[in-house]
């Protein structure tokens, strides 16, 4: 299954992001962001399905929550940035 990670600047922002998505009818799972994405330190992300990404970004924009980045999970287990 193809999914995206919406990377957030903190756990609090990841939780807020997931809450906004849930209110909009989108399931968003908060998880630790992979080291390959955040580098040093810890980061958090919200996992969303491929078919819900566009709607998720619209909801986040309306709520004025700006992600640090949006990444797609590749079939080989790596991640590629696809958004800001």
PDB file of N, CA and C in Angstrom:
ATOM      1  N   UNK A   1       0.836  -1.185   0.000  1.00  0.00           N
ATOM      2  CA  UNK A   1       0.000   0.000   0.000  1.00  0.00           C
ATOM      3  C   UNK A   1       0.882   1.250   0.000  1.00  0.00           C
ATOM      4  N   UNK A   2       0.558   2.181  -0.847  1.00  0.00           N
ATOM      5  CA  UNK A   2       1.294   3.439  -0.905  1.00  0.00           C
ATOM      6  C   UNK A   2       0.735   4.379   0.159  1.00  0.00           C
ATOM      7  N   UNK A   3       1.649   5.013   0.886  1.00  0.00           N
ATOM      8  CA  UNK A   3       1.220   5.985   1.881  1.00  0.00           C
ATOM      9  C   UNK A   3       2.199   7.152   1.913  1.00  0.00           C
ATOM     10  N   UNK A   4       1.769   8.212   2.553  1.00  0.00           N
ATOM     11  CA  UNK A   4       2.573   9.419   2.685  1.00  0.00           C
ATOM     12  C   UNK A   4       2.804   9.726   4.153  1.00  0.00           C
ATOM     13  N   UNK A   5       3.921  10.373   4.438  1.00  0.00           N
ATOM     14  CA  UNK A   5       4.201  10.872   5.768  1.00  0.00           C
ATOM     15  C   UNK A   5       4.198  12.394   5.718  1.00  0.00           C
ATOM     16  N   UNK A   6       3.368  12.984   6.550  1.00  0.00           N
ATOM     17  CA  UNK A   6       3.349  14.435   6.710  1.00  0.00           C
ATOM     18  C   UNK A   6       4.204  14.719   7.941  1.00  0.00           C
ATOM     19  N   UNK A   7       5.375  15.280   7.724  1.00  0.00           N
ATOM     20  CA  UNK A   7       6.323  15.496   8.809  1.00  0.00           C
ATOM     21  C   UNK A   7       5.994  16.798   9.536  1.00  0.00           C
ATOM     22  N   UNK A   8       5.986  16.702  10.873  1.00  0.00           N
ATOM     23  CA  UNK A   8       5.631  17.831  11.725  1.00  0.00           C
ATOM     24  C   UNK A   8       6.830  18.232  12.579  1.00  0.00           C
ATOM     25  N   UNK A   9       6.813  19.462  13.081  1.00  0.00           N
ATOM     26  CA  UNK A   9       7.964  19.965  13.822  1.00  0.00           C
ATOM     27  C   UNK A   9       8.032  19.464  15.255  1.00  0.00           C
ATOM     28  N   UNK A  10       6.959  18.902  15.775  1.00  0.00           N
ATOM     29  CA  UNK A  10       6.963  18.385  17.141  1.00  0.00           C
ATOM     30  C   UNK A  10       5.842  17.372  17.316  1.00  0.00           C
ATOM     31  N   UNK A  11       5.874  16.681  18.435  1.00  0.00           N
ATOM     32  CA  UNK A  11       4.812  15.731  18.742  1.00  0.00           C
ATOM     33  C   UNK A  11       3.471  16.448  18.865  1.00  0.00           C
ATOM     34  N   UNK A  12       3.476  17.615  19.487  1.00  0.00           N
ATOM     35  CA  UNK A  12       2.240  18.382  19.649  1.00  0.00           C
ATOM     36  C   UNK A  12       1.632  18.723  18.297  1.00  0.00           C
ATOM     37  N   UNK A  13       2.446  19.180  17.349  1.00  0.00           N
ATOM     38  CA  UNK A  13       1.932  19.520  16.027  1.00  0.00           C
ATOM     39  C   UNK A  13       1.453  18.275  15.277  1.00  0.00           C
ATOM     40  N   UNK A  14       2.117  17.147  15.477  1.00  0.00           N
ATOM     41  CA  UNK A  14       1.666  15.905  14.856  1.00  0.00           C
ATOM     42  C   UNK A  14       0.302  15.508  15.413  1.00  0.00           C
ATOM     43  N   UNK A  15       0.115  15.663  16.717  1.00  0.00           N
ATOM     44  CA  UNK A  15      -1.170  15.347  17.326  1.00  0.00           C
ATOM     45  C   UNK A  15      -2.262  16.302  16.833  1.00  0.00           C
ATOM     46  N   UNK A  16      -1.939  17.575  16.712  1.00  0.00           N
ATOM     47  CA  UNK A  16      -2.901  18.544  16.170  1.00  0.00           C
ATOM     48  C   UNK A  16      -3.245  18.215  14.727  1.00  0.00           C
ATOM     49  N   UNK A  17      -2.239  17.844  13.955  1.00  0.00           N
ATOM     50  CA  UNK A  17      -2.458  17.476  12.560  1.00  0.00           C
ATOM     51  C   UNK A  17      -3.398  16.283  12.467  1.00  0.00           C
ATOM     52  N   UNK A  18      -3.144  15.245  13.253  1.00  0.00           N
ATOM     53  CA  UNK A  18      -3.999  14.063  13.242  1.00  0.00           C
ATOM     54  C   UNK A  18      -5.424  14.412  13.661  1.00  0.00           C
ATOM     55  N   UNK A  19      -5.568  15.312  14.635  1.00  0.00           N
ATOM     56  CA  UNK A  19      -6.908  15.699  15.100  1.00  0.00           C
ATOM     57  C   UNK A  19      -7.676  16.430  14.007  1.00  0.00           C
ATOM     58  N   UNK A  20      -7.012  17.336  13.294  1.00  0.00           N
ATOM     59  CA  UNK A  20      -7.653  18.060  12.187  1.00  0.00           C
ATOM     60  C   UNK A  20      -8.098  17.076  11.108  1.00  0.00           C
ATOM     61  N   UNK A  21      -7.239  16.122  10.799  1.00  0.00           N
ATOM     62  CA  UNK A  21      -7.578  15.138   9.778  1.00  0.00           C
ATOM     63  C   UNK A  21      -8.751  14.272  10.223  1.00  0.00           C
ATOM     64  N   UNK A  22      -8.745  13.841  11.472  1.00  0.00           N
ATOM     65  CA  UNK A  22      -9.847  13.016  11.993  1.00  0.00           C
ATOM     66  C   UNK A  22     -11.175  13.764  11.905  1.00  0.00           C
ATOM     67  N   UNK A  23     -11.171  15.043  12.265  1.00  0.00           N
ATOM     68  CA  UNK A  23     -12.399  15.838  12.167  1.00  0.00           C
ATOM     69  C   UNK A  23     -12.876  15.944  10.724  1.00  0.00           C
ATOM     70  N   UNK A  24     -11.934  15.858   9.768  1.00  0.00           N
ATOM     71  CA  UNK A  24     -12.285  15.913   8.354  1.00  0.00           C
ATOM     72  C   UNK A  24     -12.577  14.549   7.751  1.00  0.00           C
ATOM     73  N   UNK A  25     -12.575  13.506   8.579  1.00  0.00           N
ATOM     74  CA  UNK A  25     -12.892  12.177   8.092  1.00  0.00           C
ATOM     75  C   UNK A  25     -11.729  11.393   7.522  1.00  0.00           C
ATOM     76  N   UNK A  26     -10.512  11.819   7.836  1.00  0.00           N
ATOM     77  CA  UNK A  26      -9.310  11.150   7.327  1.00  0.00           C
ATOM     78  C   UNK A  26      -8.561  10.525   8.491  1.00  0.00           C
ATOM     79  N   UNK A  27      -8.216   9.257   8.342  1.00  0.00           N
ATOM     80  CA  UNK A  27      -7.427   8.598   9.371  1.00  0.00           C
ATOM     81  C   UNK A  27      -5.970   9.011   9.230  1.00  0.00           C
ATOM     82  N   UNK A  28      -5.405   9.521  10.312  1.00  0.00           N
ATOM     83  CA  UNK A  28      -4.000   9.904  10.349  1.00  0.00           C
ATOM     84  C   UNK A  28      -3.354   9.290  11.573  1.00  0.00           C
ATOM     85  N   UNK A  29      -2.278   8.557  11.368  1.00  0.00           N
ATOM     86  CA  UNK A  29      -1.601   7.861  12.457  1.00  0.00           C
ATOM     87  C   UNK A  29      -0.314   8.607  12.800  1.00  0.00           C
ATOM     88  N   UNK A  30      -0.171   9.001  14.067  1.00  0.00           N
ATOM     89  CA  UNK A  30       1.035   9.684  14.523  1.00  0.00           C
ATOM     90  C   UNK A  30       2.111   8.638  14.795  1.00  0.00           C
ATOM     91  N   UNK A  31       3.326   8.894  14.266  1.00  0.00           N
ATOM     92  CA  UNK A  31       4.442   7.992  14.500  1.00  0.00           C
ATOM     93  C   UNK A  31       5.754   8.757  14.475  1.00  0.00           C
ATOM     94  N   UNK A  32       6.802   8.116  14.962  1.00  0.00           N
ATOM     95  CA  UNK A  32       8.132   8.729  14.887  1.00  0.00           C
ATOM     96  C   UNK A  32       8.550   8.747  13.422  1.00  0.00           C
ATOM     97  N   UNK A  33       9.077   9.859  12.996  1.00  0.00           N
ATOM     98  CA  UNK A  33       9.552   9.964  11.611  1.00  0.00           C
ATOM     99  C   UNK A  33      10.867   9.199  11.474  1.00  0.00           C
ATOM    100  N   UNK A  34      11.071   8.526  10.369  1.00  0.00           N
ATOM    101  CA  UNK A  34      12.319   7.796  10.150  1.00  0.00           C
ATOM    102  C   UNK A  34      13.528   8.731  10.178  1.00  0.00           C
ATOM    103  N   UNK A  35      14.642   8.229  10.689  1.00  0.00           N
ATOM    104  CA  UNK A  35      15.877   9.020  10.766  1.00  0.00           C
ATOM    105  C   UNK A  35      16.318   9.511   9.394  1.00  0.00           C
ATOM    106  N   UNK A  36      16.028   8.737   8.349  1.00  0.00           N
ATOM    107  CA  UNK A  36      16.434   9.137   7.000  1.00  0.00           C
ATOM    108  C   UNK A  36      15.748  10.432   6.562  1.00  0.00           C
ATOM    109  N   UNK A  37      14.623  10.757   7.193  1.00  0.00           N
ATOM    110  CA  UNK A  37      13.894  11.980   6.859  1.00  0.00           C
ATOM    111  C   UNK A  37      14.330  13.144   7.736  1.00  0.00           C
ATOM    112  N   UNK A  38      14.403  12.929   9.041  1.00  0.00           N
ATOM    113  CA  UNK A  38      14.657  14.035   9.969  1.00  0.00           C
ATOM    114  C   UNK A  38      16.119  14.233  10.305  1.00  0.00           C
ATOM    115  N   UNK A  39      16.964  13.260  10.002  1.00  0.00           N
ATOM    116  CA  UNK A  39      18.378  13.395  10.322  1.00  0.00           C
ATOM    117  C   UNK A  39      18.601  13.312  11.819  1.00  0.00           C
ATOM    118  N   UNK A  40      19.268  14.310  12.382  1.00  0.00           N
ATOM    119  CA  UNK A  40      19.559  14.340  13.811  1.00  0.00           C
ATOM    120  C   UNK A  40      18.319  14.672  14.618  1.00  0.00           C
ATOM    121  N   UNK A  41      18.266  14.170  15.836  1.00  0.00           N
ATOM    122  CA  UNK A  41      17.148  14.467  16.713  1.00  0.00           C
ATOM    123  C   UNK A  41      15.939  13.606  16.380  1.00  0.00           C
ATOM    124  N   UNK A  42      14.853  13.921  17.053  1.00  0.00           N
ATOM    125  CA  UNK A  42      13.640  13.149  16.816  1.00  0.00           C
ATOM    126  C   UNK A  42      12.631  14.011  16.070  1.00  0.00           C
ATOM    127  N   UNK A  43      11.797  13.370  15.348  1.00  0.00           N
ATOM    128  CA  UNK A  43      10.745  14.056  14.615  1.00  0.00           C
ATOM    129  C   UNK A  43       9.518  13.177  14.603  1.00  0.00           C
ATOM    130  N   UNK A  44       8.413  13.781  14.305  1.00  0.00           N
ATOM    131  CA  UNK A  44       7.159  13.049  14.269  1.00  0.00           C
ATOM    132  C   UNK A  44       6.459  13.303  12.940  1.00  0.00           C
ATOM    133  N   UNK A  45       5.661  12.337  12.546  1.00  0.00           N
ATOM    134  CA  UNK A  45       4.953  12.427  11.279  1.00  0.00           C
ATOM    135  C   UNK A  45       3.556  11.840  11.446  1.00  0.00           C
ATOM    136  N   UNK A  46       2.704  12.181  10.494  1.00  0.00           N
ATOM    137  CA  UNK A  46       1.363  11.623  10.443  1.00  0.00           C
ATOM    138  C   UNK A  46       1.264  10.853   9.129  1.00  0.00           C
ATOM    139  N   UNK A  47       0.903   9.583   9.240  1.00  0.00           N
ATOM    140  CA  UNK A  47       0.800   8.696   8.086  1.00  0.00           C
ATOM    141  C   UNK A  47      -0.611   8.773   7.520  1.00  0.00           C
ATOM    142  N   UNK A  48      -0.711   9.033   6.209  1.00  0.00           N
ATOM    143  CA  UNK A  48      -2.017   9.066   5.536  1.00  0.00           C
ATOM    144  C   UNK A  48      -1.937   8.244   4.254  1.00  0.00           C
ATOM    145  N   UNK A  49      -3.081   7.738   3.826  1.00  0.00           N
ATOM    146  CA  UNK A  49      -3.119   6.931   2.608  1.00  0.00           C
ATOM    147  C   UNK A  49      -2.958   7.825   1.377  1.00  0.00           C
ATOM    148  N   UNK A  50      -2.542   7.193   0.307  1.00  0.00           N
ATOM    149  CA  UNK A  50      -2.305   7.908  -0.956  1.00  0.00           C
ATOM    150  C   UNK A  50      -3.553   8.628  -1.435  1.00  0.00           C
ATOM    151  N   UNK A  51      -4.688   7.986  -1.356  1.00  0.00           N
ATOM    152  CA  UNK A  51      -5.908   8.574  -1.916  1.00  0.00           C
ATOM    153  C   UNK A  51      -6.453   9.729  -1.081  1.00  0.00           C
ATOM    154  N   UNK A  52      -5.941   9.928   0.126  1.00  0.00           N
ATOM    155  CA  UNK A  52      -6.451  10.978   1.002  1.00  0.00           C
ATOM    156  C   UNK A  52      -5.489  12.162   1.153  1.00  0.00           C
ATOM    157  N   UNK A  53      -4.316  12.091   0.525  1.00  0.00           N
ATOM    158  CA  UNK A  53      -3.307  13.132   0.723  1.00  0.00           C
ATOM    159  C   UNK A  53      -3.790  14.513   0.302  1.00  0.00           C
ATOM    160  N   UNK A  54      -4.346  14.648  -0.885  1.00  0.00           N
ATOM    161  CA  UNK A  54      -4.769  15.964  -1.378  1.00  0.00           C
ATOM    162  C   UNK A  54      -5.785  16.597  -0.428  1.00  0.00           C
ATOM    163  N   UNK A  55      -6.764  15.823  -0.006  1.00  0.00           N
ATOM    164  CA  UNK A  55      -7.774  16.338   0.917  1.00  0.00           C
ATOM    165  C   UNK A  55      -7.138  16.691   2.265  1.00  0.00           C
ATOM    166  N   UNK A  56      -6.191  15.882   2.715  1.00  0.00           N
ATOM    167  CA  UNK A  56      -5.512  16.145   3.983  1.00  0.00           C
ATOM    168  C   UNK A  56      -4.772  17.479   3.933  1.00  0.00           C
ATOM    169  N   UNK A  57      -4.079  17.746   2.835  1.00  0.00           N
ATOM    170  CA  UNK A  57      -3.330  18.999   2.714  1.00  0.00           C
ATOM    171  C   UNK A  57      -4.261  20.207   2.677  1.00  0.00           C
ATOM    172  N   UNK A  58      -5.431  20.057   2.064  1.00  0.00           N
ATOM    173  CA  UNK A  58      -6.419  21.139   2.053  1.00  0.00           C
ATOM    174  C   UNK A  58      -6.890  21.423   3.471  1.00  0.00           C
ATOM    175  N   UNK A  59      -7.207  20.375   4.222  1.00  0.00           N
ATOM    176  CA  UNK A  59      -7.654  20.550   5.605  1.00  0.00           C
ATOM    177  C   UNK A  59      -6.582  21.214   6.464  1.00  0.00           C
ATOM    178  N   UNK A  60      -5.334  20.805   6.288  1.00  0.00           N
ATOM    179  CA  UNK A  60      -4.241  21.388   7.071  1.00  0.00           C
ATOM    180  C   UNK A  60      -4.024  22.850   6.716  1.00  0.00           C
ATOM    181  N   UNK A  61      -4.167  23.175   5.448  1.00  0.00           N
ATOM    182  CA  UNK A  61      -4.026  24.564   5.018  1.00  0.00           C
ATOM    183  C   UNK A  61      -5.107  25.431   5.651  1.00  0.00           C
ATOM    184  N   UNK A  62      -6.335  24.938   5.661  1.00  0.00           N
ATOM    185  CA  UNK A  62      -7.438  25.680   6.283  1.00  0.00           C
ATOM    186  C   UNK A  62      -7.209  25.888   7.776  1.00  0.00           C
ATOM    187  N   UNK A  63      -6.586  24.896   8.433  1.00  0.00           N
ATOM    188  CA  UNK A  63      -6.325  24.974   9.870  1.00  0.00           C
ATOM    189  C   UNK A  63      -5.018  25.717  10.168  1.00  0.00           C
ATOM    190  N   UNK A  64      -4.347  26.181   9.109  1.00  0.00           N
ATOM    191  CA  UNK A  64      -3.087  26.901   9.213  1.00  0.00           C
ATOM    192  C   UNK A  64      -1.994  26.083   9.900  1.00  0.00           C
ATOM    193  N   UNK A  65      -1.980  24.790   9.611  1.00  0.00           N
ATOM    194  CA  UNK A  65      -0.920  23.893  10.076  1.00  0.00           C
ATOM    195  C   UNK A  65      -0.022  23.579   8.889  1.00  0.00           C
ATOM    196  N   UNK A  66       1.194  24.044   8.942  1.00  0.00           N
ATOM    197  CA  UNK A  66       2.133  23.865   7.831  1.00  0.00           C
ATOM    198  C   UNK A  66       3.085  22.707   8.122  1.00  0.00           C
ATOM    199  N   UNK A  67       3.074  21.663   7.311  1.00  0.00           N
ATOM    200  CA  UNK A  67       4.006  20.554   7.535  1.00  0.00           C
ATOM    201  C   UNK A  67       5.435  20.950   7.170  1.00  0.00           C
ATOM    202  N   UNK A  68       6.406  20.292   7.818  1.00  0.00           N
ATOM    203  CA  UNK A  68       7.812  20.507   7.468  1.00  0.00           C
ATOM    204  C   UNK A  68       8.129  19.876   6.130  1.00  0.00           C
ATOM    205  N   UNK A  69       7.391  18.837   5.794  1.00  0.00           N
ATOM    206  CA  UNK A  69       7.610  18.150   4.530  1.00  0.00           C
ATOM    207  C   UNK A  69       6.598  17.047   4.340  1.00  0.00           C
ATOM    208  N   UNK A  70       6.460  16.615   3.092  1.00  0.00           N
ATOM    209  CA  UNK A  70       5.576  15.494   2.762  1.00  0.00           C
ATOM    210  C   UNK A  70       6.424  14.498   1.981  1.00  0.00           C
ATOM    211  N   UNK A  71       6.398  13.244   2.430  1.00  0.00           N
ATOM    212  CA  UNK A  71       7.221  12.196   1.832  1.00  0.00           C
ATOM    213  C   UNK A  71       6.368  11.020   1.426  1.00  0.00           C
ATOM    214  N   UNK A  72       6.740  10.398   0.310  1.00  0.00           N
ATOM    215  CA  UNK A  72       6.082   9.168  -0.127  1.00  0.00           C
ATOM    216  C   UNK A  72       6.984   7.999   0.249  1.00  0.00           C
ATOM    217  N   UNK A  73       6.366   6.917   0.687  1.00  0.00           N
ATOM    218  CA  UNK A  73       7.104   5.697   1.001  1.00  0.00           C
ATOM    219  C   UNK A  73       7.331   4.921  -0.297  1.00  0.00           C
ATOM    220  N   UNK A  74       8.575   4.701  -0.634  1.00  0.00           N
ATOM    221  CA  UNK A  74       8.922   3.949  -1.846  1.00  0.00           C
ATOM    222  C   UNK A  74       8.833   2.450  -1.568  1.00  0.00           C
ATOM    223  N   UNK A  75       8.743   1.647  -2.610  1.00  0.00           N
ATOM    224  CA  UNK A  75       8.612   0.200  -2.461  1.00  0.00           C
ATOM    225  C   UNK A  75       9.850  -0.443  -1.829  1.00  0.00           C
ATOM    226  N   UNK A  76      11.009   0.208  -1.930  1.00  0.00           N
ATOM    227  CA  UNK A  76      12.236  -0.348  -1.345  1.00  0.00           C
ATOM    228  C   UNK A  76      12.435   0.062   0.116  1.00  0.00           C
ATOM    229  N   UNK A  77      11.455   0.752   0.691  1.00  0.00           N
ATOM    230  CA  UNK A  77      11.539   1.160   2.095  1.00  0.00           C
ATOM    231  C   UNK A  77      12.119   2.545   2.315  1.00  0.00           C
ATOM    232  N   UNK A  78      12.550   3.200   1.245  1.00  0.00           N
ATOM    233  CA  UNK A  78      13.086   4.549   1.377  1.00  0.00           C
ATOM    234  C   UNK A  78      11.937   5.571   1.241  1.00  0.00           C
ATOM    235  N   UNK A  79      12.270   6.833   1.457  1.00  0.00           N
ATOM    236  CA  UNK A  79      11.276   7.897   1.368  1.00  0.00           C
ATOM    237  C   UNK A  79      11.781   8.974   0.425  1.00  0.00           C
ATOM    238  N   UNK A  80      10.841   9.539  -0.328  1.00  0.00           N
ATOM    239  CA  UNK A  80      11.183  10.615  -1.274  1.00  0.00           C
ATOM    240  C   UNK A  80      10.272  11.802  -0.988  1.00  0.00           C
ATOM    241  N   UNK A  81      10.883  12.985  -0.892  1.00  0.00           N
ATOM    242  CA  UNK A  81      10.108  14.178  -0.604  1.00  0.00           C
ATOM    243  C   UNK A  81       9.307  14.591  -1.822  1.00  0.00           C
ATOM    244  N   UNK A  82       8.011  14.879  -1.593  1.00  0.00           N
ATOM    245  CA  UNK A  82       7.130  15.260  -2.685  1.00  0.00           C
ATOM    246  C   UNK A  82       6.441  16.604  -2.431  1.00  0.00           C
ATOM    247  N   UNK A  83       6.680  17.187  -1.275  1.00  0.00           N
ATOM    248  CA  UNK A  83       6.050  18.455  -0.947  1.00  0.00           C
ATOM    249  C   UNK A  83       6.876  19.223   0.066  1.00  0.00           C
ATOM    250  N   UNK A  84       6.428  20.436   0.321  1.00  0.00           N
ATOM    251  CA  UNK A  84       7.213  21.328   1.203  1.00  0.00           C
ATOM    252  C   UNK A  84       7.501  20.759   2.561  1.00  0.00           C
TER     253      UNK A  84
END
